[in-house]
Amino acid sequence: MALVGILLAAGRGKRFDPSGVQNKLLQPLSTGDAVVAASAKNMLAVMPRVVAVVRPGDDQVAALLGKLGCEVRVCADADLGIASSLTAAVEYTKGAEGWLVALGDMPHVRPETMQALVATITRGARIAAPIFEGRRGNPVAFSSYHLPLLLALEGDQGARDILKSHAVSELIVDDVGVVRDIDTPGDL
């Protein structure tokens, strides 16, 4: 079963830098990789095809992700919320058998965790989400069964309502990366 990776990298990161001067996705980690580069590399290690969604004018992030091997899509409506970015990517790849949806500001998710989520969908689950110490995290995998619901998303909640109202195959993982994102400079 061929799932497509979706890397959502179109947010403004206002909690990281309210002035908007520093792009959190381009901040270096201790490994030397930019936050979004590490997120993309982890996904590219597992997914043969990764579509990265960026906001208009974010040329540095777009160029970096393109150089790594992602298909870069610009979401004109990115400022309307994460759902706009997600629906743009799903619309672009709607022939896929499913999607692994990851966030550009979560660079610590292990490739093995992503592989396990994809395998759960391949075995027939319709949604697969990681659980670390009782907390649901990201990325989340969806089968194409949920295509109509994913295309109908709106606002800044992403697919949260789909997860609340449909069966989710929960995967217990020993990967703190699934609940660790970069929201403030202290998170680096």
N, C-alpha and C. Protein backbone atom coordinates (compact mmCIF):
# COMPACT_ATOMS: atom_id res chain seq x y z
N MET A 1 0.85 -1.18 0.00
CA MET A 1 0.00 0.00 0.00
C MET A 1 0.90 1.24 0.00
N ALA A 2 0.60 2.16 -0.90
CA ALA A 2 1.44 3.36 -1.02
C ALA A 2 0.82 4.56 -0.30
N LEU A 3 1.40 4.89 0.84
CA LEU A 3 0.99 6.09 1.54
C LEU A 3 1.93 7.22 1.14
N VAL A 4 1.44 8.44 1.24
CA VAL A 4 2.24 9.62 0.94
C VAL A 4 2.50 10.35 2.25
N GLY A 5 3.72 10.82 2.41
CA GLY A 5 4.04 11.64 3.57
C GLY A 5 3.62 13.08 3.31
N ILE A 6 3.02 13.69 4.30
CA ILE A 6 2.69 15.12 4.23
C ILE A 6 3.40 15.79 5.40
N LEU A 7 4.23 16.78 5.06
CA LEU A 7 4.95 17.54 6.08
C LEU A 7 4.37 18.95 6.09
N LEU A 8 3.71 19.30 7.18
CA LEU A 8 3.07 20.61 7.29
C LEU A 8 4.08 21.62 7.84
N ALA A 9 4.45 22.59 7.00
CA ALA A 9 5.47 23.57 7.36
C ALA A 9 5.06 24.97 6.95
N ALA A 10 3.77 25.29 7.13
CA ALA A 10 3.24 26.56 6.64
C ALA A 10 2.82 27.51 7.76
N GLY A 11 3.11 27.15 9.01
CA GLY A 11 2.72 28.02 10.11
C GLY A 11 3.64 29.23 10.24
N ARG A 12 3.22 30.19 11.04
CA ARG A 12 4.02 31.40 11.24
C ARG A 12 4.91 31.33 12.48
N GLY A 13 4.69 30.38 13.37
CA GLY A 13 5.53 30.24 14.55
C GLY A 13 5.49 31.45 15.46
N LYS A 14 4.31 32.00 15.68
CA LYS A 14 4.18 33.23 16.48
C LYS A 14 4.56 33.04 17.94
N ARG A 15 4.40 31.83 18.47
CA ARG A 15 4.81 31.61 19.87
C ARG A 15 6.34 31.62 19.98
N PHE A 16 7.02 31.19 18.92
CA PHE A 16 8.49 31.17 18.93
C PHE A 16 9.04 32.59 18.89
N ASP A 17 8.50 33.40 17.99
CA ASP A 17 8.95 34.79 17.85
C ASP A 17 7.75 35.63 17.42
N PRO A 18 7.08 36.27 18.40
CA PRO A 18 5.89 37.08 18.07
C PRO A 18 6.15 38.16 17.02
N SER A 19 7.39 38.63 16.90
CA SER A 19 7.70 39.67 15.91
C SER A 19 7.74 39.10 14.50
N GLY A 20 7.88 37.78 14.38
CA GLY A 20 7.93 37.14 13.07
C GLY A 20 9.28 37.23 12.38
N VAL A 21 10.30 37.74 13.09
CA VAL A 21 11.62 37.90 12.48
C VAL A 21 12.33 36.55 12.33
N GLN A 22 12.29 35.74 13.41
CA GLN A 22 12.97 34.44 13.39
C GLN A 22 12.00 33.35 12.97
N ASN A 23 12.35 32.61 11.93
CA ASN A 23 11.54 31.48 11.49
C ASN A 23 12.00 30.26 12.29
N LYS A 24 11.12 29.74 13.15
CA LYS A 24 11.52 28.62 14.00
C LYS A 24 11.92 27.40 13.19
N LEU A 25 11.35 27.24 12.01
CA LEU A 25 11.67 26.07 11.20
C LEU A 25 13.10 26.08 10.68
N LEU A 26 13.72 27.26 10.66
CA LEU A 26 15.09 27.38 10.16
C LEU A 26 16.13 27.44 11.28
N GLN A 27 15.68 27.35 12.53
CA GLN A 27 16.61 27.40 13.66
C GLN A 27 17.41 26.10 13.72
N PRO A 28 18.71 26.22 14.04
CA PRO A 28 19.54 25.02 14.09
C PRO A 28 19.32 24.20 15.36
N LEU A 29 19.32 22.90 15.19
CA LEU A 29 19.28 21.97 16.32
C LEU A 29 20.73 21.65 16.70
N SER A 30 20.92 20.91 17.77
CA SER A 30 22.28 20.55 18.19
C SER A 30 22.99 19.71 17.13
N THR A 31 22.23 19.05 16.25
CA THR A 31 22.83 18.24 15.18
C THR A 31 23.35 19.11 14.04
N GLY A 32 22.96 20.39 14.04
CA GLY A 32 23.34 21.28 12.95
C GLY A 32 22.24 21.44 11.91
N ASP A 33 21.31 20.48 11.87
CA ASP A 33 20.19 20.58 10.93
C ASP A 33 19.21 21.64 11.40
N ALA A 34 18.58 22.31 10.45
CA ALA A 34 17.46 23.19 10.78
C ALA A 34 16.30 22.31 11.26
N VAL A 35 15.43 22.87 12.08
CA VAL A 35 14.28 22.13 12.63
C VAL A 35 13.52 21.41 11.53
N VAL A 36 13.13 22.15 10.47
CA VAL A 36 12.32 21.55 9.41
C VAL A 36 13.11 20.54 8.60
N ALA A 37 14.42 20.72 8.47
CA ALA A 37 15.24 19.76 7.73
C ALA A 37 15.28 18.43 8.46
N ALA A 38 15.44 18.48 9.79
CA ALA A 38 15.44 17.24 10.57
C ALA A 38 14.09 16.54 10.47
N SER A 39 13.01 17.30 10.54
CA SER A 39 11.67 16.72 10.41
C SER A 39 11.52 16.04 9.05
N ALA A 40 11.97 16.72 8.00
CA ALA A 40 11.85 16.17 6.64
C ALA A 40 12.73 14.94 6.46
N LYS A 41 13.95 14.98 6.95
CA LYS A 41 14.87 13.84 6.79
C LYS A 41 14.31 12.59 7.46
N ASN A 42 13.72 12.76 8.65
CA ASN A 42 13.13 11.61 9.34
C ASN A 42 12.01 11.00 8.52
N MET A 43 11.18 11.85 7.90
CA MET A 43 10.07 11.35 7.09
C MET A 43 10.57 10.75 5.78
N LEU A 44 11.54 11.40 5.16
CA LEU A 44 12.08 10.89 3.89
C LEU A 44 12.79 9.56 4.07
N ALA A 45 13.24 9.25 5.27
CA ALA A 45 13.89 7.97 5.54
C ALA A 45 12.89 6.82 5.45
N VAL A 46 11.60 7.14 5.54
CA VAL A 46 10.55 6.12 5.59
C VAL A 46 9.63 6.17 4.37
N MET A 47 9.32 7.38 3.93
CA MET A 47 8.31 7.57 2.89
C MET A 47 8.96 7.81 1.54
N PRO A 48 8.56 7.05 0.51
CA PRO A 48 9.12 7.28 -0.82
C PRO A 48 8.71 8.61 -1.43
N ARG A 49 7.58 9.14 -0.97
CA ARG A 49 7.10 10.42 -1.49
C ARG A 49 6.65 11.29 -0.32
N VAL A 50 7.22 12.50 -0.24
CA VAL A 50 6.85 13.44 0.80
C VAL A 50 6.47 14.76 0.15
N VAL A 51 5.26 15.23 0.46
CA VAL A 51 4.79 16.52 0.00
C VAL A 51 4.88 17.48 1.19
N ALA A 52 5.65 18.54 1.02
CA ALA A 52 5.80 19.54 2.09
C ALA A 52 4.99 20.77 1.72
N VAL A 53 4.23 21.28 2.67
CA VAL A 53 3.39 22.44 2.43
C VAL A 53 4.00 23.64 3.16
N VAL A 54 4.22 24.72 2.41
CA VAL A 54 4.79 25.95 2.97
C VAL A 54 3.84 27.11 2.70
N ARG A 55 4.06 28.21 3.42
CA ARG A 55 3.22 29.39 3.20
C ARG A 55 3.84 30.24 2.09
N PRO A 56 3.05 31.10 1.47
CA PRO A 56 3.57 31.98 0.42
C PRO A 56 4.70 32.86 0.97
N GLY A 57 5.75 33.01 0.19
CA GLY A 57 6.86 33.88 0.58
C GLY A 57 7.90 33.22 1.47
N ASP A 58 7.66 31.99 1.88
CA ASP A 58 8.64 31.31 2.74
C ASP A 58 9.64 30.56 1.85
N ASP A 59 10.37 31.33 1.06
CA ASP A 59 11.25 30.76 0.04
C ASP A 59 12.41 29.95 0.62
N GLN A 60 12.92 30.35 1.78
CA GLN A 60 14.04 29.61 2.36
C GLN A 60 13.61 28.20 2.77
N VAL A 61 12.48 28.09 3.43
CA VAL A 61 11.98 26.77 3.84
C VAL A 61 11.65 25.94 2.59
N ALA A 62 11.01 26.56 1.61
CA ALA A 62 10.66 25.85 0.38
C ALA A 62 11.91 25.31 -0.32
N ALA A 63 12.94 26.16 -0.43
CA ALA A 63 14.18 25.74 -1.11
C ALA A 63 14.87 24.61 -0.35
N LEU A 64 14.92 24.73 0.96
CA LEU A 64 15.57 23.70 1.78
C LEU A 64 14.86 22.36 1.63
N LEU A 65 13.53 22.37 1.72
CA LEU A 65 12.77 21.13 1.61
C LEU A 65 12.86 20.54 0.21
N GLY A 66 12.86 21.39 -0.80
CA GLY A 66 13.01 20.92 -2.17
C GLY A 66 14.36 20.25 -2.39
N LYS A 67 15.40 20.84 -1.83
CA LYS A 67 16.75 20.30 -1.97
C LYS A 67 16.87 18.93 -1.30
N LEU A 68 16.12 18.73 -0.23
CA LEU A 68 16.15 17.45 0.49
C LEU A 68 15.39 16.35 -0.25
N GLY A 69 14.51 16.73 -1.18
CA GLY A 69 13.76 15.74 -1.93
C GLY A 69 12.27 15.75 -1.73
N CYS A 70 11.77 16.74 -1.01
CA CYS A 70 10.31 16.86 -0.84
C CYS A 70 9.71 17.53 -2.07
N GLU A 71 8.46 17.18 -2.36
CA GLU A 71 7.69 17.94 -3.35
C GLU A 71 7.10 19.11 -2.57
N VAL A 72 7.42 20.32 -2.96
CA VAL A 72 6.99 21.49 -2.20
C VAL A 72 5.74 22.10 -2.83
N ARG A 73 4.74 22.32 -1.99
CA ARG A 73 3.50 22.96 -2.42
C ARG A 73 3.30 24.21 -1.57
N VAL A 74 2.96 25.30 -2.22
CA VAL A 74 2.68 26.55 -1.51
C VAL A 74 1.17 26.61 -1.27
N CYS A 75 0.79 26.83 -0.02
CA CYS A 75 -0.63 26.94 0.32
C CYS A 75 -0.99 28.41 0.46
N ALA A 76 -1.71 28.93 -0.51
CA ALA A 76 -2.09 30.35 -0.51
C ALA A 76 -2.92 30.72 0.72
N ASP A 77 -3.67 29.76 1.25
CA ASP A 77 -4.56 30.02 2.38
C ASP A 77 -3.97 29.59 3.72
N ALA A 78 -2.65 29.46 3.80
CA ALA A 78 -2.01 28.95 5.01
C ALA A 78 -2.40 29.72 6.27
N ASP A 79 -2.60 31.01 6.15
CA ASP A 79 -2.93 31.81 7.33
C ASP A 79 -4.34 31.54 7.88
N LEU A 80 -5.14 30.79 7.15
CA LEU A 80 -6.47 30.44 7.64
C LEU A 80 -6.41 29.30 8.66
N GLY A 81 -5.25 28.66 8.79
CA GLY A 81 -5.10 27.58 9.77
C GLY A 81 -4.51 26.33 9.15
N ILE A 82 -4.12 25.43 10.03
CA ILE A 82 -3.44 24.20 9.62
C ILE A 82 -4.31 23.35 8.69
N ALA A 83 -5.62 23.43 8.85
CA ALA A 83 -6.50 22.62 8.00
C ALA A 83 -6.33 22.99 6.52
N SER A 84 -6.09 24.26 6.22
CA SER A 84 -5.89 24.67 4.82
C SER A 84 -4.68 24.00 4.21
N SER A 85 -3.60 23.92 4.98
CA SER A 85 -2.38 23.26 4.50
C SER A 85 -2.61 21.77 4.29
N LEU A 86 -3.28 21.16 5.25
CA LEU A 86 -3.54 19.72 5.18
C LEU A 86 -4.45 19.39 3.99
N THR A 87 -5.52 20.14 3.83
CA THR A 87 -6.43 19.85 2.71
C THR A 87 -5.75 20.11 1.37
N ALA A 88 -4.88 21.11 1.30
CA ALA A 88 -4.15 21.37 0.04
C ALA A 88 -3.28 20.17 -0.33
N ALA A 89 -2.60 19.60 0.65
CA ALA A 89 -1.73 18.44 0.39
C ALA A 89 -2.54 17.20 0.04
N VAL A 90 -3.64 16.99 0.75
CA VAL A 90 -4.48 15.82 0.47
C VAL A 90 -5.11 15.95 -0.92
N GLU A 91 -5.59 17.13 -1.25
CA GLU A 91 -6.17 17.37 -2.57
C GLU A 91 -5.14 17.07 -3.66
N TYR A 92 -3.92 17.52 -3.46
CA TYR A 92 -2.83 17.33 -4.42
C TYR A 92 -2.47 15.85 -4.60
N THR A 93 -2.69 15.05 -3.56
CA THR A 93 -2.29 13.64 -3.59
C THR A 93 -3.48 12.70 -3.44
N LYS A 94 -4.67 13.15 -3.85
CA LYS A 94 -5.88 12.39 -3.50
C LYS A 94 -5.98 11.01 -4.12
N GLY A 95 -5.08 10.64 -5.01
CA GLY A 95 -5.06 9.26 -5.50
C GLY A 95 -4.31 8.32 -4.58
N ALA A 96 -3.72 8.85 -3.51
CA ALA A 96 -2.94 8.02 -2.57
C ALA A 96 -3.86 7.07 -1.81
N GLU A 97 -3.24 6.02 -1.29
CA GLU A 97 -4.00 5.06 -0.49
C GLU A 97 -4.06 5.48 0.97
N GLY A 98 -3.36 6.55 1.29
CA GLY A 98 -3.37 7.06 2.65
C GLY A 98 -2.25 8.07 2.82
N TRP A 99 -2.19 8.66 4.02
CA TRP A 99 -1.23 9.73 4.28
C TRP A 99 -0.65 9.58 5.68
N LEU A 100 0.61 9.90 5.81
CA LEU A 100 1.25 10.06 7.11
C LEU A 100 1.47 11.56 7.25
N VAL A 101 0.77 12.17 8.20
CA VAL A 101 0.78 13.62 8.36
C VAL A 101 1.67 14.00 9.54
N ALA A 102 2.75 14.71 9.22
CA ALA A 102 3.72 15.13 10.24
C ALA A 102 3.82 16.65 10.25
N LEU A 103 4.37 17.17 11.34
CA LEU A 103 4.51 18.61 11.52
C LEU A 103 5.98 19.00 11.37
N GLY A 104 6.21 20.09 10.68
CA GLY A 104 7.56 20.56 10.41
C GLY A 104 8.33 20.97 11.65
N ASP A 105 7.61 21.23 12.76
CA ASP A 105 8.28 21.64 13.99
C ASP A 105 8.44 20.51 14.99
N MET A 106 8.39 19.26 14.48
CA MET A 106 8.59 18.09 15.34
C MET A 106 9.75 17.25 14.80
N PRO A 107 10.99 17.72 15.01
CA PRO A 107 12.15 17.10 14.40
C PRO A 107 12.68 15.86 15.11
N HIS A 108 12.07 15.48 16.23
CA HIS A 108 12.62 14.38 17.02
C HIS A 108 11.86 13.07 16.87
N VAL A 109 10.85 13.02 15.99
CA VAL A 109 10.11 11.77 15.78
C VAL A 109 11.03 10.78 15.06
N ARG A 110 11.12 9.59 15.61
CA ARG A 110 12.01 8.57 15.03
C ARG A 110 11.39 7.98 13.76
N PRO A 111 12.22 7.72 12.76
CA PRO A 111 11.71 7.07 11.55
C PRO A 111 11.00 5.74 11.85
N GLU A 112 11.48 4.99 12.84
CA GLU A 112 10.84 3.70 13.17
C GLU A 112 9.39 3.91 13.61
N THR A 113 9.14 5.01 14.29
CA THR A 113 7.76 5.30 14.73
C THR A 113 6.89 5.56 13.51
N MET A 114 7.41 6.33 12.56
CA MET A 114 6.65 6.60 11.34
C MET A 114 6.39 5.31 10.57
N GLN A 115 7.40 4.46 10.49
CA GLN A 115 7.25 3.18 9.79
C GLN A 115 6.16 2.33 10.45
N ALA A 116 6.12 2.33 11.76
CA ALA A 116 5.11 1.54 12.48
C ALA A 116 3.70 2.08 12.22
N LEU A 117 3.55 3.40 12.13
CA LEU A 117 2.24 3.98 11.84
C LEU A 117 1.79 3.61 10.43
N VAL A 118 2.71 3.67 9.47
CA VAL A 118 2.39 3.29 8.09
C VAL A 118 2.00 1.81 8.04
N ALA A 119 2.73 0.97 8.75
CA ALA A 119 2.43 -0.46 8.77
C ALA A 119 1.05 -0.73 9.35
N THR A 120 0.64 0.06 10.34
CA THR A 120 -0.68 -0.11 10.95
C THR A 120 -1.78 0.17 9.92
N ILE A 121 -1.59 1.21 9.11
CA ILE A 121 -2.57 1.51 8.05
C ILE A 121 -2.53 0.41 6.98
N THR A 122 -1.35 -0.03 6.62
CA THR A 122 -1.21 -1.08 5.61
C THR A 122 -1.93 -2.36 6.03
N ARG A 123 -1.96 -2.62 7.34
CA ARG A 123 -2.66 -3.81 7.85
C ARG A 123 -4.16 -3.61 7.95
N GLY A 124 -4.68 -2.42 7.59
CA GLY A 124 -6.13 -2.25 7.54
C GLY A 124 -6.72 -1.21 8.46
N ALA A 125 -5.93 -0.60 9.33
CA ALA A 125 -6.48 0.46 10.19
C ALA A 125 -6.83 1.66 9.32
N ARG A 126 -7.79 2.44 9.76
CA ARG A 126 -8.17 3.65 9.01
C ARG A 126 -7.46 4.89 9.53
N ILE A 127 -7.12 4.89 10.83
CA ILE A 127 -6.34 5.97 11.44
C ILE A 127 -5.37 5.31 12.42
N ALA A 128 -4.13 5.79 12.42
CA ALA A 128 -3.15 5.30 13.39
C ALA A 128 -2.45 6.50 14.01
N ALA A 129 -2.38 6.50 15.35
CA ALA A 129 -1.75 7.60 16.08
C ALA A 129 -0.83 7.03 17.15
N PRO A 130 0.30 7.70 17.38
CA PRO A 130 1.23 7.24 18.42
C PRO A 130 0.80 7.73 19.81
N ILE A 131 1.09 6.91 20.82
CA ILE A 131 0.80 7.26 22.20
C ILE A 131 2.11 7.11 22.98
N PHE A 132 2.52 8.21 23.63
CA PHE A 132 3.72 8.17 24.47
C PHE A 132 3.32 8.53 25.89
N GLU A 133 3.54 7.60 26.82
CA GLU A 133 3.20 7.80 28.24
C GLU A 133 1.79 8.37 28.41
N GLY A 134 0.84 7.78 27.69
CA GLY A 134 -0.57 8.16 27.83
C GLY A 134 -0.99 9.38 27.03
N ARG A 135 -0.05 10.02 26.33
CA ARG A 135 -0.38 11.23 25.54
C ARG A 135 -0.36 10.90 24.05
N ARG A 136 -1.42 11.30 23.36
CA ARG A 136 -1.46 11.11 21.91
C ARG A 136 -0.57 12.15 21.26
N GLY A 137 0.19 11.71 20.25
CA GLY A 137 1.12 12.61 19.59
C GLY A 137 0.97 12.63 18.09
N ASN A 138 2.01 13.07 17.44
CA ASN A 138 2.10 13.15 15.98
C ASN A 138 3.38 12.46 15.54
N PRO A 139 3.44 12.00 14.32
CA PRO A 139 2.47 12.16 13.24
C PRO A 139 1.28 11.20 13.36
N VAL A 140 0.29 11.44 12.51
CA VAL A 140 -0.89 10.59 12.47
C VAL A 140 -1.04 10.10 11.03
N ALA A 141 -1.40 8.82 10.90
CA ALA A 141 -1.60 8.23 9.58
C ALA A 141 -3.09 8.01 9.33
N PHE A 142 -3.50 8.26 8.09
CA PHE A 142 -4.90 8.08 7.68
C PHE A 142 -4.94 7.22 6.43
N SER A 143 -5.93 6.34 6.36
CA SER A 143 -6.16 5.62 5.11
C SER A 143 -7.03 6.50 4.21
N SER A 144 -7.10 6.15 2.95
CA SER A 144 -7.89 6.94 2.00
C SER A 144 -9.38 6.91 2.32
N TYR A 145 -9.80 6.00 3.21
CA TYR A 145 -11.19 5.96 3.64
C TYR A 145 -11.65 7.33 4.13
N HIS A 146 -10.74 8.06 4.75
CA HIS A 146 -11.09 9.36 5.33
C HIS A 146 -10.87 10.54 4.39
N LEU A 147 -10.65 10.27 3.10
CA LEU A 147 -10.43 11.35 2.12
C LEU A 147 -11.52 12.43 2.19
N PRO A 148 -12.81 12.10 2.15
CA PRO A 148 -13.83 13.17 2.17
C PRO A 148 -13.75 14.04 3.42
N LEU A 149 -13.49 13.43 4.57
CA LEU A 149 -13.41 14.20 5.82
C LEU A 149 -12.16 15.08 5.82
N LEU A 150 -11.04 14.56 5.32
CA LEU A 150 -9.81 15.35 5.28
C LEU A 150 -9.97 16.55 4.35
N LEU A 151 -10.65 16.36 3.23
CA LEU A 151 -10.85 17.46 2.28
C LEU A 151 -11.82 18.52 2.81
N ALA A 152 -12.64 18.15 3.80
CA ALA A 152 -13.64 19.08 4.34
C ALA A 152 -13.15 19.85 5.56
N LEU A 153 -11.92 19.62 5.98
CA LEU A 153 -11.41 20.29 7.18
C LEU A 153 -11.31 21.80 7.00
N GLU A 154 -11.50 22.51 8.12
CA GLU A 154 -11.37 23.97 8.12
C GLU A 154 -10.77 24.41 9.45
N GLY A 155 -10.13 25.57 9.45
CA GLY A 155 -9.67 26.19 10.69
C GLY A 155 -8.29 25.75 11.15
N ASP A 156 -8.06 25.91 12.45
CA ASP A 156 -6.73 25.67 13.00
C ASP A 156 -6.67 24.44 13.90
N GLN A 157 -7.63 23.53 13.73
CA GLN A 157 -7.64 22.32 14.56
C GLN A 157 -7.03 21.12 13.83
N GLY A 158 -6.67 21.29 12.56
CA GLY A 158 -6.16 20.14 11.82
C GLY A 158 -7.22 19.06 11.77
N ALA A 159 -6.80 17.83 11.97
CA ALA A 159 -7.72 16.69 11.87
C ALA A 159 -8.21 16.23 13.24
N ARG A 160 -8.07 17.07 14.24
CA ARG A 160 -8.42 16.70 15.62
C ARG A 160 -9.85 16.16 15.74
N ASP A 161 -10.80 16.80 15.05
CA ASP A 161 -12.20 16.34 15.15
C ASP A 161 -12.38 14.95 14.55
N ILE A 162 -11.64 14.65 13.49
CA ILE A 162 -11.72 13.30 12.90
C ILE A 162 -11.23 12.28 13.93
N LEU A 163 -10.14 12.60 14.62
CA LEU A 163 -9.59 11.68 15.62
C LEU A 163 -10.56 11.49 16.78
N LYS A 164 -11.32 12.53 17.12
CA LYS A 164 -12.27 12.44 18.24
C LYS A 164 -13.49 11.60 17.88
N SER A 165 -13.87 11.60 16.61
CA SER A 165 -15.14 10.98 16.24
C SER A 165 -15.02 9.68 15.45
N HIS A 166 -13.80 9.18 15.28
CA HIS A 166 -13.61 7.92 14.54
C HIS A 166 -12.63 7.01 15.28
N ALA A 167 -12.72 5.73 14.98
CA ALA A 167 -11.83 4.76 15.62
C ALA A 167 -10.38 5.05 15.24
N VAL A 168 -9.52 5.05 16.25
CA VAL A 168 -8.10 5.29 16.04
C VAL A 168 -7.32 4.10 16.57
N SER A 169 -6.47 3.52 15.74
CA SER A 169 -5.56 2.47 16.21
C SER A 169 -4.41 3.18 16.91
N GLU A 170 -4.36 3.01 18.22
CA GLU A 170 -3.32 3.69 19.00
C GLU A 170 -2.10 2.80 19.10
N LEU A 171 -0.96 3.37 18.81
CA LEU A 171 0.31 2.66 18.81
C LEU A 171 1.13 3.16 20.00
N ILE A 172 1.33 2.32 20.99
CA ILE A 172 2.13 2.71 22.15
C ILE A 172 3.59 2.74 21.71
N VAL A 173 4.24 3.89 21.87
CA VAL A 173 5.62 4.03 21.42
C VAL A 173 6.52 4.55 22.56
N ASP A 174 7.79 4.22 22.45
CA ASP A 174 8.79 4.72 23.39
C ASP A 174 9.59 5.79 22.65
N ASP A 175 8.88 6.81 22.18
CA ASP A 175 9.47 7.86 21.35
C ASP A 175 8.92 9.21 21.82
N VAL A 176 9.67 9.89 22.69
CA VAL A 176 9.21 11.18 23.21
C VAL A 176 9.05 12.19 22.09
N GLY A 177 9.68 11.94 20.93
CA GLY A 177 9.57 12.85 19.80
C GLY A 177 8.15 13.08 19.32
N VAL A 178 7.25 12.15 19.59
CA VAL A 178 5.87 12.28 19.11
C VAL A 178 5.07 13.33 19.89
N VAL A 179 5.60 13.74 21.04
CA VAL A 179 4.92 14.77 21.84
C VAL A 179 5.83 15.99 22.06
N ARG A 180 6.94 16.04 21.36
CA ARG A 180 7.92 17.12 21.57
C ARG A 180 8.02 17.99 20.32
N ASP A 181 7.47 19.19 20.39
CA ASP A 181 7.58 20.09 19.25
C ASP A 181 8.40 21.31 19.65
N ILE A 182 8.72 22.13 18.69
CA ILE A 182 9.50 23.34 18.91
C ILE A 182 8.52 24.52 18.85
N ASP A 183 8.13 25.02 20.02
CA ASP A 183 7.20 26.16 20.07
C ASP A 183 7.88 27.44 20.55
N THR A 184 8.93 27.30 21.37
CA THR A 184 9.63 28.45 21.92
C THR A 184 11.13 28.25 21.76
N PRO A 185 11.92 29.31 21.84
CA PRO A 185 13.39 29.14 21.74
C PRO A 185 13.93 28.15 22.76
N GLY A 186 13.30 28.05 23.93
CA GLY A 186 13.74 27.10 24.95
C GLY A 186 13.58 25.65 24.53
N ASP A 187 12.69 25.38 23.56
CA ASP A 187 12.46 24.01 23.09
C ASP A 187 13.60 23.49 22.21
N LEU A 188 14.45 24.40 21.74
CA LEU A 188 15.57 23.99 20.89
C LEU A 188 16.60 23.21 21.70
